[in-house]
Amino acid sequence: MFSDTIVPTMARELDEIRMDLDSVADDASPDVAGEIRSIRKGLTNIPDDEETRQTQYRETEDRLSELEHQADRSVAERLHTLQEDIHVLAEDVGY
């Protein structure tokens, strides 16, 4: 599931982020929920290459930020928190 280059702590954090994305998607409007599930799916196959992984995290942050503007307030707040979590993960891999 995860490459050997991803430390166990990061894997646990990714699992938690994916679970949180599922929860937020359940509470979001159908169009936003579809996008959230797409983002979550993208986080199941983390690339081995550090540069590609950093790019994926940046793109995920950007997509979450865009969705914040489409979602209702409670979902937007949770998306913002997840965006910050992704940013912390990205910093851990040198982004």
PDB file of N, CA and C in Angstrom:
ATOM      1  N   MET A   1       0.836  -1.191   0.000  1.00  0.00           N
ATOM      2  CA  MET A   1       0.000   0.000   0.000  1.00  0.00           C
ATOM      3  C   MET A   1       0.872   1.242   0.000  1.00  0.00           C
ATOM      4  N   PHE A   2       1.852   1.304   0.868  1.00  0.00           N
ATOM      5  CA  PHE A   2       2.739   2.458   0.925  1.00  0.00           C
ATOM      6  C   PHE A   2       4.134   2.014   0.528  1.00  0.00           C
ATOM      7  N   SER A   3       4.867   2.913  -0.069  1.00  0.00           N
ATOM      8  CA  SER A   3       6.236   2.586  -0.434  1.00  0.00           C
ATOM      9  C   SER A   3       7.090   2.494   0.821  1.00  0.00           C
ATOM     10  N   ASP A   4       8.226   1.849   0.680  1.00  0.00           N
ATOM     11  CA  ASP A   4       9.141   1.718   1.811  1.00  0.00           C
ATOM     12  C   ASP A   4       9.725   3.056   2.237  1.00  0.00           C
ATOM     13  N   THR A   5       9.661   4.054   1.363  1.00  0.00           N
ATOM     14  CA  THR A   5      10.246   5.351   1.685  1.00  0.00           C
ATOM     15  C   THR A   5       9.335   6.190   2.570  1.00  0.00           C
ATOM     16  N   ILE A   6       8.107   5.794   2.739  1.00  0.00           N
ATOM     17  CA  ILE A   6       7.182   6.530   3.603  1.00  0.00           C
ATOM     18  C   ILE A   6       7.285   5.941   4.999  1.00  0.00           C
ATOM     19  N   VAL A   7       7.611   6.774   5.949  1.00  0.00           N
ATOM     20  CA  VAL A   7       7.771   6.291   7.320  1.00  0.00           C
ATOM     21  C   VAL A   7       6.415   5.913   7.901  1.00  0.00           C
ATOM     22  N   PRO A   8       6.389   4.986   8.859  1.00  0.00           N
ATOM     23  CA  PRO A   8       5.113   4.530   9.421  1.00  0.00           C
ATOM     24  C   PRO A   8       4.230   5.648   9.958  1.00  0.00           C
ATOM     25  N   THR A   9       4.806   6.671  10.567  1.00  0.00           N
ATOM     26  CA  THR A   9       4.005   7.779  11.093  1.00  0.00           C
ATOM     27  C   THR A   9       3.239   8.459   9.974  1.00  0.00           C
ATOM     28  N   MET A  10       3.907   8.686   8.845  1.00  0.00           N
ATOM     29  CA  MET A  10       3.236   9.321   7.715  1.00  0.00           C
ATOM     30  C   MET A  10       2.112   8.437   7.196  1.00  0.00           C
ATOM     31  N   ALA A  11       2.339   7.114   7.172  1.00  0.00           N
ATOM     32  CA  ALA A  11       1.306   6.197   6.707  1.00  0.00           C
ATOM     33  C   ALA A  11       0.082   6.287   7.605  1.00  0.00           C
ATOM     34  N   ARG A  12       0.312   6.349   8.921  1.00  0.00           N
ATOM     35  CA  ARG A  12      -0.805   6.469   9.864  1.00  0.00           C
ATOM     36  C   ARG A  12      -1.541   7.785   9.641  1.00  0.00           C
ATOM     37  N   GLU A  13      -0.785   8.861   9.459  1.00  0.00           N
ATOM     38  CA  GLU A  13      -1.413  10.155   9.224  1.00  0.00           C
ATOM     39  C   GLU A  13      -2.222  10.138   7.932  1.00  0.00           C
ATOM     40  N   LEU A  14      -1.698   9.503   6.895  1.00  0.00           N
ATOM     41  CA  LEU A  14      -2.450   9.401   5.647  1.00  0.00           C
ATOM     42  C   LEU A  14      -3.733   8.612   5.853  1.00  0.00           C
ATOM     43  N   ASP A  15      -3.653   7.531   6.599  1.00  0.00           N
ATOM     44  CA  ASP A  15      -4.861   6.746   6.888  1.00  0.00           C
ATOM     45  C   ASP A  15      -5.900   7.606   7.605  1.00  0.00           C
ATOM     46  N   GLU A  16      -5.446   8.394   8.571  1.00  0.00           N
ATOM     47  CA  GLU A  16      -6.360   9.269   9.308  1.00  0.00           C
ATOM     48  C   GLU A  16      -6.960  10.334   8.394  1.00  0.00           C
ATOM     49  N   ILE A  17      -6.159  10.896   7.525  1.00  0.00           N
ATOM     50  CA  ILE A  17      -6.654  11.909   6.587  1.00  0.00           C
ATOM     51  C   ILE A  17      -7.683  11.292   5.655  1.00  0.00           C
ATOM     52  N   ARG A  18      -7.408  10.091   5.154  1.00  0.00           N
ATOM     53  CA  ARG A  18      -8.375   9.423   4.265  1.00  0.00           C
ATOM     54  C   ARG A  18      -9.688   9.152   4.993  1.00  0.00           C
ATOM     55  N   MET A  19      -9.614   8.715   6.248  1.00  0.00           N
ATOM     56  CA  MET A  19     -10.842   8.478   7.019  1.00  0.00           C
ATOM     57  C   MET A  19     -11.609   9.783   7.222  1.00  0.00           C
ATOM     58  N   ASP A  20     -10.887  10.854   7.510  1.00  0.00           N
ATOM     59  CA  ASP A  20     -11.535  12.160   7.683  1.00  0.00           C
ATOM     60  C   ASP A  20     -12.169  12.632   6.381  1.00  0.00           C
ATOM     61  N   LEU A  21     -11.503  12.389   5.260  1.00  0.00           N
ATOM     62  CA  LEU A  21     -12.079  12.767   3.967  1.00  0.00           C
ATOM     63  C   LEU A  21     -13.378  12.009   3.719  1.00  0.00           C
ATOM     64  N   ASP A  22     -13.406  10.727   4.060  1.00  0.00           N
ATOM     65  CA  ASP A  22     -14.639   9.943   3.920  1.00  0.00           C
ATOM     66  C   ASP A  22     -15.757  10.553   4.754  1.00  0.00           C
ATOM     67  N   SER A  23     -15.444  10.921   5.979  1.00  0.00           N
ATOM     68  CA  SER A  23     -16.436  11.501   6.879  1.00  0.00           C
ATOM     69  C   SER A  23     -16.957  12.836   6.346  1.00  0.00           C
ATOM     70  N   VAL A  24     -16.055  13.670   5.865  1.00  0.00           N
ATOM     71  CA  VAL A  24     -16.463  14.969   5.318  1.00  0.00           C
ATOM     72  C   VAL A  24     -17.315  14.762   4.070  1.00  0.00           C
ATOM     73  N   ALA A  25     -16.931  13.820   3.233  1.00  0.00           N
ATOM     74  CA  ALA A  25     -17.700  13.548   2.014  1.00  0.00           C
ATOM     75  C   ALA A  25     -19.127  13.125   2.353  1.00  0.00           C
ATOM     76  N   ASP A  26     -19.283  12.353   3.418  1.00  0.00           N
ATOM     77  CA  ASP A  26     -20.617  11.916   3.838  1.00  0.00           C
ATOM     78  C   ASP A  26     -21.513  13.096   4.210  1.00  0.00           C
ATOM     79  N   ASP A  27     -20.913  14.185   4.685  1.00  0.00           N
ATOM     80  CA  ASP A  27     -21.678  15.352   5.128  1.00  0.00           C
ATOM     81  C   ASP A  27     -21.795  16.447   4.070  1.00  0.00           C
ATOM     82  N   ALA A  28     -21.119  16.279   2.954  1.00  0.00           N
ATOM     83  CA  ALA A  28     -21.080  17.324   1.925  1.00  0.00           C
ATOM     84  C   ALA A  28     -22.204  17.144   0.908  1.00  0.00           C
ATOM     85  N   SER A  29     -22.444  18.198   0.148  1.00  0.00           N
ATOM     86  CA  SER A  29     -23.408  18.109  -0.952  1.00  0.00           C
ATOM     87  C   SER A  29     -22.869  17.116  -1.983  1.00  0.00           C
ATOM     88  N   PRO A  30     -23.742  16.539  -2.809  1.00  0.00           N
ATOM     89  CA  PRO A  30     -23.306  15.499  -3.741  1.00  0.00           C
ATOM     90  C   PRO A  30     -22.147  15.904  -4.661  1.00  0.00           C
ATOM     91  N   ASP A  31     -22.176  17.126  -5.194  1.00  0.00           N
ATOM     92  CA  ASP A  31     -21.098  17.522  -6.102  1.00  0.00           C
ATOM     93  C   ASP A  31     -19.769  17.667  -5.365  1.00  0.00           C
ATOM     94  N   VAL A  32     -19.791  18.248  -4.182  1.00  0.00           N
ATOM     95  CA  VAL A  32     -18.571  18.399  -3.381  1.00  0.00           C
ATOM     96  C   VAL A  32     -18.112  17.026  -2.882  1.00  0.00           C
ATOM     97  N   ALA A  33     -19.050  16.189  -2.488  1.00  0.00           N
ATOM     98  CA  ALA A  33     -18.712  14.849  -1.996  1.00  0.00           C
ATOM     99  C   ALA A  33     -17.977  14.044  -3.066  1.00  0.00           C
ATOM    100  N   GLY A  34     -18.415  14.152  -4.305  1.00  0.00           N
ATOM    101  CA  GLY A  34     -17.744  13.445  -5.395  1.00  0.00           C
ATOM    102  C   GLY A  34     -16.298  13.882  -5.552  1.00  0.00           C
ATOM    103  N   GLU A  35     -16.068  15.166  -5.446  1.00  0.00           N
ATOM    104  CA  GLU A  35     -14.703  15.693  -5.539  1.00  0.00           C
ATOM    105  C   GLU A  35     -13.854  15.233  -4.354  1.00  0.00           C
ATOM    106  N   ILE A  36     -14.444  15.242  -3.172  1.00  0.00           N
ATOM    107  CA  ILE A  36     -13.713  14.805  -1.979  1.00  0.00           C
ATOM    108  C   ILE A  36     -13.327  13.337  -2.117  1.00  0.00           C
ATOM    109  N   ARG A  37     -14.239  12.519  -2.604  1.00  0.00           N
ATOM    110  CA  ARG A  37     -13.940  11.092  -2.775  1.00  0.00           C
ATOM    111  C   ARG A  37     -12.852  10.882  -3.826  1.00  0.00           C
ATOM    112  N   SER A  38     -12.844  11.723  -4.837  1.00  0.00           N
ATOM    113  CA  SER A  38     -11.789  11.658  -5.848  1.00  0.00           C
ATOM    114  C   SER A  38     -10.429  11.993  -5.233  1.00  0.00           C
ATOM    115  N   ILE A  39     -10.404  13.014  -4.387  1.00  0.00           N
ATOM    116  CA  ILE A  39      -9.166  13.389  -3.692  1.00  0.00           C
ATOM    117  C   ILE A  39      -8.712  12.244  -2.794  1.00  0.00           C
ATOM    118  N   ARG A  40      -9.653  11.668  -2.079  1.00  0.00           N
ATOM    119  CA  ARG A  40      -9.332  10.563  -1.179  1.00  0.00           C
ATOM    120  C   ARG A  40      -8.740   9.390  -1.955  1.00  0.00           C
ATOM    121  N   LYS A  41      -9.336   9.078  -3.092  1.00  0.00           N
ATOM    122  CA  LYS A  41      -8.834   7.984  -3.923  1.00  0.00           C
ATOM    123  C   LYS A  41      -7.408   8.273  -4.385  1.00  0.00           C
ATOM    124  N   GLY A  42      -7.133   9.537  -4.707  1.00  0.00           N
ATOM    125  CA  GLY A  42      -5.788   9.914  -5.133  1.00  0.00           C
ATOM    126  C   GLY A  42      -4.744   9.727  -4.046  1.00  0.00           C
ATOM    127  N   LEU A  43      -5.177   9.714  -2.813  1.00  0.00           N
ATOM    128  CA  LEU A  43      -4.244   9.531  -1.699  1.00  0.00           C
ATOM    129  C   LEU A  43      -4.035   8.062  -1.336  1.00  0.00           C
ATOM    130  N   THR A  44      -4.591   7.145  -2.120  1.00  0.00           N
ATOM    131  CA  THR A  44      -4.381   5.728  -1.838  1.00  0.00           C
ATOM    132  C   THR A  44      -3.130   5.197  -2.513  1.00  0.00           C
ATOM    133  N   ASN A  45      -2.687   5.857  -3.558  1.00  0.00           N
ATOM    134  CA  ASN A  45      -1.495   5.418  -4.280  1.00  0.00           C
ATOM    135  C   ASN A  45      -0.458   6.525  -4.259  1.00  0.00           C
ATOM    136  N   ILE A  46       0.306   6.574  -3.195  1.00  0.00           N
ATOM    137  CA  ILE A  46       1.319   7.608  -3.039  1.00  0.00           C
ATOM    138  C   ILE A  46       2.559   7.185  -3.824  1.00  0.00           C
ATOM    139  N   PRO A  47       3.045   8.053  -4.702  1.00  0.00           N
ATOM    140  CA  PRO A  47       4.215   7.717  -5.523  1.00  0.00           C
ATOM    141  C   PRO A  47       5.473   7.498  -4.681  1.00  0.00           C
ATOM    142  N   ASP A  48       6.363   6.656  -5.185  1.00  0.00           N
ATOM    143  CA  ASP A  48       7.638   6.411  -4.517  1.00  0.00           C
ATOM    144  C   ASP A  48       8.578   7.598  -4.664  1.00  0.00           C
ATOM    145  N   ASP A  49       8.527   8.228  -5.812  1.00  0.00           N
ATOM    146  CA  ASP A  49       9.420   9.341  -6.113  1.00  0.00           C
ATOM    147  C   ASP A  49       9.065  10.556  -5.257  1.00  0.00           C
ATOM    148  N   GLU A  50      10.056  11.087  -4.537  1.00  0.00           N
ATOM    149  CA  GLU A  50       9.805  12.191  -3.608  1.00  0.00           C
ATOM    150  C   GLU A  50       9.244  13.420  -4.314  1.00  0.00           C
ATOM    151  N   GLU A  51       9.795  13.758  -5.465  1.00  0.00           N
ATOM    152  CA  GLU A  51       9.324  14.947  -6.186  1.00  0.00           C
ATOM    153  C   GLU A  51       7.868  14.784  -6.626  1.00  0.00           C
ATOM    154  N   THR A  52       7.531  13.609  -7.116  1.00  0.00           N
ATOM    155  CA  THR A  52       6.157  13.339  -7.542  1.00  0.00           C
ATOM    156  C   THR A  52       5.214  13.356  -6.345  1.00  0.00           C
ATOM    157  N   ARG A  53       5.674  12.824  -5.238  1.00  0.00           N
ATOM    158  CA  ARG A  53       4.867  12.810  -4.009  1.00  0.00           C
ATOM    159  C   ARG A  53       4.599  14.243  -3.542  1.00  0.00           C
ATOM    160  N   GLN A  54       5.627  15.086  -3.584  1.00  0.00           N
ATOM    161  CA  GLN A  54       5.462  16.485  -3.196  1.00  0.00           C
ATOM    162  C   GLN A  54       4.453  17.178  -4.101  1.00  0.00           C
ATOM    163  N   THR A  55       4.546  16.908  -5.397  1.00  0.00           N
ATOM    164  CA  THR A  55       3.605  17.494  -6.355  1.00  0.00           C
ATOM    165  C   THR A  55       2.185  17.038  -6.049  1.00  0.00           C
ATOM    166  N   GLN A  56       2.021  15.761  -5.745  1.00  0.00           N
ATOM    167  CA  GLN A  56       0.689  15.249  -5.429  1.00  0.00           C
ATOM    168  C   GLN A  56       0.123  15.931  -4.189  1.00  0.00           C
ATOM    169  N   TYR A  57       0.935  16.121  -3.177  1.00  0.00           N
ATOM    170  CA  TYR A  57       0.463  16.796  -1.966  1.00  0.00           C
ATOM    171  C   TYR A  57       0.073  18.243  -2.259  1.00  0.00           C
ATOM    172  N   ARG A  58       0.879  18.945  -3.052  1.00  0.00           N
ATOM    173  CA  ARG A  58       0.547  20.336  -3.411  1.00  0.00           C
ATOM    174  C   ARG A  58      -0.781  20.396  -4.158  1.00  0.00           C
ATOM    175  N   GLU A  59      -0.943  19.492  -5.123  1.00  0.00           N
ATOM    176  CA  GLU A  59      -2.188  19.462  -5.893  1.00  0.00           C
ATOM    177  C   GLU A  59      -3.381  19.136  -4.997  1.00  0.00           C
ATOM    178  N   THR A  60      -3.190  18.246  -4.048  1.00  0.00           N
ATOM    179  CA  THR A  60      -4.262  17.906  -3.109  1.00  0.00           C
ATOM    180  C   THR A  60      -4.634  19.116  -2.266  1.00  0.00           C
ATOM    181  N   GLU A  61      -3.635  19.828  -1.779  1.00  0.00           N
ATOM    182  CA  GLU A  61      -3.902  21.058  -1.018  1.00  0.00           C
ATOM    183  C   GLU A  61      -4.712  22.045  -1.852  1.00  0.00           C
ATOM    184  N   ASP A  62      -4.306  22.230  -3.099  1.00  0.00           N
ATOM    185  CA  ASP A  62      -4.996  23.177  -3.985  1.00  0.00           C
ATOM    186  C   ASP A  62      -6.443  22.762  -4.219  1.00  0.00           C
ATOM    187  N   ARG A  63      -6.665  21.468  -4.449  1.00  0.00           N
ATOM    188  CA  ARG A  63      -8.028  20.990  -4.688  1.00  0.00           C
ATOM    189  C   ARG A  63      -8.906  21.171  -3.455  1.00  0.00           C
ATOM    190  N   LEU A  64      -8.349  20.898  -2.284  1.00  0.00           N
ATOM    191  CA  LEU A  64      -9.122  21.099  -1.054  1.00  0.00           C
ATOM    192  C   LEU A  64      -9.461  22.571  -0.867  1.00  0.00           C
ATOM    193  N   SER A  65      -8.520  23.435  -1.186  1.00  0.00           N
ATOM    194  CA  SER A  65      -8.758  24.877  -1.072  1.00  0.00           C
ATOM    195  C   SER A  65      -9.885  25.316  -2.002  1.00  0.00           C
ATOM    196  N   GLU A  66      -9.891  24.811  -3.225  1.00  0.00           N
ATOM    197  CA  GLU A  66     -10.954  25.148  -4.175  1.00  0.00           C
ATOM    198  C   GLU A  66     -12.311  24.665  -3.672  1.00  0.00           C
ATOM    199  N   LEU A  67     -12.335  23.473  -3.096  1.00  0.00           N
ATOM    200  CA  LEU A  67     -13.596  22.917  -2.600  1.00  0.00           C
ATOM    201  C   LEU A  67     -14.146  23.690  -1.413  1.00  0.00           C
ATOM    202  N   GLU A  68     -13.263  24.291  -0.632  1.00  0.00           N
ATOM    203  CA  GLU A  68     -13.720  25.092   0.510  1.00  0.00           C
ATOM    204  C   GLU A  68     -14.716  26.155   0.064  1.00  0.00           C
ATOM    205  N   HIS A  69     -14.492  26.716  -1.111  1.00  0.00           N
ATOM    206  CA  HIS A  69     -15.339  27.799  -1.611  1.00  0.00           C
ATOM    207  C   HIS A  69     -16.678  27.290  -2.148  1.00  0.00           C
ATOM    208  N   GLN A  70     -16.758  25.990  -2.410  1.00  0.00           N
ATOM    209  CA  GLN A  70     -17.989  25.404  -2.938  1.00  0.00           C
ATOM    210  C   GLN A  70     -18.843  24.758  -1.846  1.00  0.00           C
ATOM    211  N   ALA A  71     -18.242  24.524  -0.704  1.00  0.00           N
ATOM    212  CA  ALA A  71     -18.913  23.764   0.354  1.00  0.00           C
ATOM    213  C   ALA A  71     -19.606  24.682   1.350  1.00  0.00           C
ATOM    214  N   ASP A  72     -20.558  24.095   2.084  1.00  0.00           N
ATOM    215  CA  ASP A  72     -21.174  24.872   3.161  1.00  0.00           C
ATOM    216  C   ASP A  72     -20.151  25.073   4.272  1.00  0.00           C
ATOM    217  N   ARG A  73     -20.486  25.918   5.215  1.00  0.00           N
ATOM    218  CA  ARG A  73     -19.516  26.379   6.214  1.00  0.00           C
ATOM    219  C   ARG A  73     -18.873  25.244   7.016  1.00  0.00           C
ATOM    220  N   SER A  74     -19.670  24.330   7.533  1.00  0.00           N
ATOM    221  CA  SER A  74     -19.101  23.275   8.384  1.00  0.00           C
ATOM    222  C   SER A  74     -18.171  22.354   7.593  1.00  0.00           C
ATOM    223  N   VAL A  75     -18.566  22.028   6.379  1.00  0.00           N
ATOM    224  CA  VAL A  75     -17.716  21.197   5.526  1.00  0.00           C
ATOM    225  C   VAL A  75     -16.459  21.973   5.137  1.00  0.00           C
ATOM    226  N   ALA A  76     -16.612  23.250   4.834  1.00  0.00           N
ATOM    227  CA  ALA A  76     -15.463  24.079   4.452  1.00  0.00           C
ATOM    228  C   ALA A  76     -14.433  24.142   5.575  1.00  0.00           C
ATOM    229  N   GLU A  77     -14.900  24.265   6.804  1.00  0.00           N
ATOM    230  CA  GLU A  77     -13.976  24.314   7.941  1.00  0.00           C
ATOM    231  C   GLU A  77     -13.207  23.005   8.074  1.00  0.00           C
ATOM    232  N   ARG A  78     -13.886  21.905   7.889  1.00  0.00           N
ATOM    233  CA  ARG A  78     -13.226  20.599   7.983  1.00  0.00           C
ATOM    234  C   ARG A  78     -12.256  20.395   6.825  1.00  0.00           C
ATOM    235  N   LEU A  79     -12.621  20.872   5.640  1.00  0.00           N
ATOM    236  CA  LEU A  79     -11.713  20.785   4.492  1.00  0.00           C
ATOM    237  C   LEU A  79     -10.454  21.607   4.740  1.00  0.00           C
ATOM    238  N   HIS A  80     -10.632  22.765   5.350  1.00  0.00           N
ATOM    239  CA  HIS A  80      -9.478  23.612   5.648  1.00  0.00           C
ATOM    240  C   HIS A  80      -8.521  22.904   6.616  1.00  0.00           C
ATOM    241  N   THR A  81      -9.074  22.256   7.616  1.00  0.00           N
ATOM    242  CA  THR A  81      -8.247  21.506   8.563  1.00  0.00           C
ATOM    243  C   THR A  81      -7.496  20.386   7.850  1.00  0.00           C
ATOM    244  N   LEU A  82      -8.174  19.685   6.954  1.00  0.00           N
ATOM    245  CA  LEU A  82      -7.523  18.616   6.201  1.00  0.00           C
ATOM    246  C   LEU A  82      -6.441  19.173   5.282  1.00  0.00           C
ATOM    247  N   GLN A  83      -6.697  20.335   4.717  1.00  0.00           N
ATOM    248  CA  GLN A  83      -5.688  20.984   3.874  1.00  0.00           C
ATOM    249  C   GLN A  83      -4.430  21.257   4.702  1.00  0.00           C
ATOM    250  N   GLU A  84      -4.607  21.735   5.911  1.00  0.00           N
ATOM    251  CA  GLU A  84      -3.463  21.986   6.797  1.00  0.00           C
ATOM    252  C   GLU A  84      -2.741  20.685   7.144  1.00  0.00           C
ATOM    253  N   ASP A  85      -3.493  19.608   7.349  1.00  0.00           N
ATOM    254  CA  ASP A  85      -2.882  18.311   7.644  1.00  0.00           C
ATOM    255  C   ASP A  85      -2.028  17.830   6.473  1.00  0.00           C
ATOM    256  N   ILE A  86      -2.537  17.995   5.263  1.00  0.00           N
ATOM    257  CA  ILE A  86      -1.782  17.616   4.064  1.00  0.00           C
ATOM    258  C   ILE A  86      -0.519  18.464   3.964  1.00  0.00           C
ATOM    259  N   HIS A  87      -0.630  19.738   4.291  1.00  0.00           N
ATOM    260  CA  HIS A  87       0.535  20.620   4.235  1.00  0.00           C
ATOM    261  C   HIS A  87       1.624  20.138   5.199  1.00  0.00           C
ATOM    262  N   VAL A  88       1.237  19.732   6.386  1.00  0.00           N
ATOM    263  CA  VAL A  88       2.204  19.216   7.357  1.00  0.00           C
ATOM    264  C   VAL A  88       2.869  17.955   6.815  1.00  0.00           C
ATOM    265  N   LEU A  89       2.081  17.066   6.227  1.00  0.00           N
ATOM    266  CA  LEU A  89       2.654  15.865   5.621  1.00  0.00           C
ATOM    267  C   LEU A  89       3.641  16.235   4.521  1.00  0.00           C
ATOM    268  N   ALA A  90       3.262  17.195   3.703  1.00  0.00           N
ATOM    269  CA  ALA A  90       4.125  17.620   2.603  1.00  0.00           C
ATOM    270  C   ALA A  90       5.439  18.187   3.126  1.00  0.00           C
ATOM    271  N   GLU A  91       5.375  18.933   4.198  1.00  0.00           N
ATOM    272  CA  GLU A  91       6.604  19.467   4.801  1.00  0.00           C
ATOM    273  C   GLU A  91       7.493  18.335   5.300  1.00  0.00           C
ATOM    274  N   ASP A  92       6.888  17.265   5.781  1.00  0.00           N
ATOM    275  CA  ASP A  92       7.658  16.114   6.265  1.00  0.00           C
ATOM    276  C   ASP A  92       8.464  15.451   5.157  1.00  0.00           C
ATOM    277  N   VAL A  93       7.996  15.564   3.911  1.00  0.00           N
ATOM    278  CA  VAL A  93       8.738  14.970   2.798  1.00  0.00           C
ATOM    279  C   VAL A  93       9.562  16.011   2.051  1.00  0.00           C
ATOM    280  N   GLY A  94       9.678  17.190   2.630  1.00  0.00           N
ATOM    281  CA  GLY A  94      10.581  18.180   2.068  1.00  0.00           C
ATOM    282  C   GLY A  94       9.971  19.177   1.128  1.00  0.00           C
ATOM    283  N   TYR A  95       8.659  19.354   1.156  1.00  0.00           N
ATOM    284  CA  TYR A  95       7.984  20.303   0.256  1.00  0.00           C
ATOM    285  C   TYR A  95       8.031  21.671   0.824  1.00  0.00           C
TER     286      TYR A  95
END
